[in-house]
Amino acid sequence: MSLTSTKTKERNTSLSLKKKLESVEFVLLLCLWEYILRPLHVVSKTLQNPHTNLHSACRNLKNAKEK
């Protein structure tokens, strides 16, 4: 948008967002959240499966908790 928009406000907003997305803090937090949420995603998918048994669900929850 910063390259194609003709509206000054849109360009400024997009440049501001781009700057925030490129910040070290944002990248660090993104990596941290990915590390936390990846094990929970596996648990979520396992629990949504109608053929999942209780043992595998408990094992996945335990693994997520340990990570």
N, C-alpha and C. Protein backbone atom coordinates (compact mmCIF):
# COMPACT_ATOMS: atom_id res chain seq x y z
N MET A 1 0.81 -1.19 0.00
CA MET A 1 0.00 0.00 0.00
C MET A 1 0.86 1.26 0.00
N SER A 2 1.99 1.18 0.67
CA SER A 2 2.83 2.38 0.74
C SER A 2 3.38 2.77 -0.63
N LEU A 3 3.46 1.81 -1.54
CA LEU A 3 3.96 2.09 -2.89
C LEU A 3 2.86 2.44 -3.88
N THR A 4 1.66 1.92 -3.66
CA THR A 4 0.61 2.08 -4.66
C THR A 4 -0.50 3.05 -4.28
N SER A 5 -0.64 3.33 -3.01
CA SER A 5 -1.75 4.19 -2.58
C SER A 5 -1.47 5.66 -2.93
N THR A 6 -2.54 6.35 -3.27
CA THR A 6 -2.41 7.78 -3.57
C THR A 6 -2.80 8.64 -2.37
N LYS A 7 -3.33 8.00 -1.34
CA LYS A 7 -3.75 8.72 -0.14
C LYS A 7 -2.60 8.77 0.87
N THR A 8 -2.30 9.96 1.31
CA THR A 8 -1.16 10.16 2.22
C THR A 8 -1.36 9.42 3.54
N LYS A 9 -2.56 9.45 4.07
CA LYS A 9 -2.83 8.79 5.35
C LYS A 9 -2.63 7.28 5.24
N GLU A 10 -3.08 6.69 4.16
CA GLU A 10 -2.88 5.25 3.95
C GLU A 10 -1.41 4.90 3.83
N ARG A 11 -0.68 5.70 3.09
CA ARG A 11 0.76 5.43 2.95
C ARG A 11 1.48 5.54 4.29
N ASN A 12 1.16 6.56 5.06
CA ASN A 12 1.80 6.74 6.36
C ASN A 12 1.46 5.60 7.31
N THR A 13 0.21 5.19 7.29
CA THR A 13 -0.20 4.07 8.14
C THR A 13 0.51 2.79 7.74
N SER A 14 0.58 2.52 6.47
CA SER A 14 1.25 1.29 6.02
C SER A 14 2.75 1.32 6.31
N LEU A 15 3.37 2.46 6.17
CA LEU A 15 4.79 2.56 6.50
C LEU A 15 5.03 2.38 7.99
N SER A 16 4.13 2.91 8.79
CA SER A 16 4.24 2.75 10.24
C SER A 16 4.09 1.28 10.63
N LEU A 17 3.11 0.60 10.04
CA LEU A 17 2.94 -0.83 10.32
C LEU A 17 4.14 -1.64 9.85
N LYS A 18 4.67 -1.29 8.71
CA LYS A 18 5.85 -1.98 8.20
C LYS A 18 7.03 -1.84 9.15
N LYS A 19 7.20 -0.65 9.66
CA LYS A 19 8.29 -0.40 10.59
C LYS A 19 8.13 -1.21 11.87
N LYS A 20 6.89 -1.30 12.36
CA LYS A 20 6.63 -2.08 13.57
C LYS A 20 6.84 -3.57 13.33
N LEU A 21 6.42 -4.06 12.15
CA LEU A 21 6.60 -5.47 11.83
C LEU A 21 8.06 -5.85 11.68
N GLU A 22 8.89 -4.91 11.30
CA GLU A 22 10.32 -5.18 11.12
C GLU A 22 11.12 -4.98 12.40
N SER A 23 10.47 -4.60 13.48
CA SER A 23 11.20 -4.34 14.72
C SER A 23 11.67 -5.65 15.36
N VAL A 24 12.72 -5.56 16.11
CA VAL A 24 13.29 -6.72 16.79
C VAL A 24 12.30 -7.26 17.82
N GLU A 25 11.62 -6.38 18.52
CA GLU A 25 10.67 -6.80 19.54
C GLU A 25 9.55 -7.64 18.95
N PHE A 26 9.03 -7.20 17.80
CA PHE A 26 7.94 -7.93 17.16
C PHE A 26 8.41 -9.33 16.74
N VAL A 27 9.57 -9.41 16.14
CA VAL A 27 10.09 -10.70 15.68
C VAL A 27 10.35 -11.61 16.87
N LEU A 28 10.90 -11.07 17.94
CA LEU A 28 11.16 -11.86 19.14
C LEU A 28 9.86 -12.40 19.73
N LEU A 29 8.85 -11.54 19.85
CA LEU A 29 7.57 -11.98 20.39
C LEU A 29 6.90 -13.00 19.47
N LEU A 30 7.03 -12.82 18.18
CA LEU A 30 6.47 -13.76 17.22
C LEU A 30 7.11 -15.14 17.39
N CYS A 31 8.41 -15.18 17.54
CA CYS A 31 9.11 -16.45 17.75
C CYS A 31 8.70 -17.09 19.08
N LEU A 32 8.56 -16.27 20.10
CA LEU A 32 8.17 -16.78 21.42
C LEU A 32 6.77 -17.37 21.37
N TRP A 33 5.83 -16.66 20.77
CA TRP A 33 4.46 -17.17 20.68
C TRP A 33 4.40 -18.43 19.84
N GLU A 34 5.19 -18.52 18.78
CA GLU A 34 5.20 -19.72 17.95
C GLU A 34 5.69 -20.91 18.76
N TYR A 35 6.71 -20.68 19.59
CA TYR A 35 7.27 -21.74 20.43
C TYR A 35 6.23 -22.21 21.45
N ILE A 36 5.42 -21.30 21.96
CA ILE A 36 4.40 -21.65 22.96
C ILE A 36 3.19 -22.32 22.30
N LEU A 37 2.75 -21.80 21.17
CA LEU A 37 1.49 -22.25 20.58
C LEU A 37 1.60 -23.51 19.73
N ARG A 38 2.79 -23.82 19.22
CA ARG A 38 2.91 -25.01 18.36
C ARG A 38 2.49 -26.29 19.08
N PRO A 39 2.97 -26.57 20.30
CA PRO A 39 2.51 -27.79 20.98
C PRO A 39 1.01 -27.78 21.26
N LEU A 40 0.45 -26.63 21.53
CA LEU A 40 -0.98 -26.55 21.79
C LEU A 40 -1.79 -26.80 20.53
N HIS A 41 -1.25 -26.45 19.40
CA HIS A 41 -1.93 -26.72 18.12
C HIS A 41 -2.05 -28.23 17.90
N VAL A 42 -0.99 -28.96 18.22
CA VAL A 42 -1.02 -30.42 18.08
C VAL A 42 -2.10 -30.99 18.99
N VAL A 43 -2.16 -30.51 20.22
CA VAL A 43 -3.17 -30.98 21.17
C VAL A 43 -4.58 -30.66 20.65
N SER A 44 -4.76 -29.47 20.15
CA SER A 44 -6.06 -29.06 19.64
C SER A 44 -6.51 -29.96 18.49
N LYS A 45 -5.61 -30.23 17.57
CA LYS A 45 -5.96 -31.08 16.43
C LYS A 45 -6.26 -32.52 16.89
N THR A 46 -5.52 -32.99 17.86
CA THR A 46 -5.75 -34.34 18.38
C THR A 46 -7.12 -34.42 19.05
N LEU A 47 -7.46 -33.42 19.85
CA LEU A 47 -8.73 -33.44 20.56
C LEU A 47 -9.93 -33.27 19.62
N GLN A 48 -9.73 -32.68 18.47
CA GLN A 48 -10.81 -32.51 17.50
C GLN A 48 -11.08 -33.77 16.69
N ASN A 49 -10.13 -34.67 16.70
CA ASN A 49 -10.29 -35.91 15.93
C ASN A 49 -11.28 -36.82 16.65
N PRO A 50 -12.35 -37.26 15.97
CA PRO A 50 -13.34 -38.11 16.64
C PRO A 50 -12.81 -39.50 17.00
N HIS A 51 -11.69 -39.91 16.42
CA HIS A 51 -11.14 -41.24 16.69
C HIS A 51 -10.04 -41.20 17.74
N THR A 52 -9.82 -40.09 18.38
CA THR A 52 -8.78 -39.97 19.39
C THR A 52 -9.21 -40.68 20.67
N ASN A 53 -8.29 -41.43 21.22
CA ASN A 53 -8.60 -42.05 22.51
C ASN A 53 -8.06 -41.19 23.64
N LEU A 54 -8.50 -41.46 24.83
CA LEU A 54 -8.16 -40.65 25.99
C LEU A 54 -6.66 -40.72 26.30
N HIS A 55 -6.07 -41.86 26.06
CA HIS A 55 -4.64 -42.02 26.35
C HIS A 55 -3.78 -41.10 25.48
N SER A 56 -4.04 -41.05 24.19
CA SER A 56 -3.23 -40.20 23.32
C SER A 56 -3.49 -38.72 23.60
N ALA A 57 -4.72 -38.37 23.95
CA ALA A 57 -5.02 -36.99 24.30
C ALA A 57 -4.26 -36.57 25.56
N CYS A 58 -4.25 -37.42 26.56
CA CYS A 58 -3.50 -37.13 27.80
C CYS A 58 -2.01 -37.03 27.53
N ARG A 59 -1.49 -37.90 26.69
CA ARG A 59 -0.07 -37.88 26.35
C ARG A 59 0.30 -36.58 25.64
N ASN A 60 -0.53 -36.14 24.71
CA ASN A 60 -0.27 -34.89 24.00
C ASN A 60 -0.35 -33.69 24.94
N LEU A 61 -1.32 -33.70 25.85
CA LEU A 61 -1.41 -32.61 26.83
C LEU A 61 -0.19 -32.57 27.73
N LYS A 62 0.27 -33.73 28.14
CA LYS A 62 1.47 -33.81 28.99
C LYS A 62 2.69 -33.28 28.25
N ASN A 63 2.84 -33.67 26.99
CA ASN A 63 3.97 -33.18 26.19
C ASN A 63 3.92 -31.68 26.01
N ALA A 64 2.74 -31.14 25.77
CA ALA A 64 2.59 -29.69 25.61
C ALA A 64 2.94 -28.97 26.90
N LYS A 65 2.52 -29.53 28.01
CA LYS A 65 2.82 -28.91 29.31
C LYS A 65 4.32 -28.92 29.60
N GLU A 66 4.99 -30.01 29.25
CA GLU A 66 6.44 -30.11 29.48
C GLU A 66 7.22 -29.12 28.62
N LYS A 67 6.74 -28.90 27.39
CA LYS A 67 7.44 -27.96 26.52
C LYS A 67 7.22 -26.56 27.00
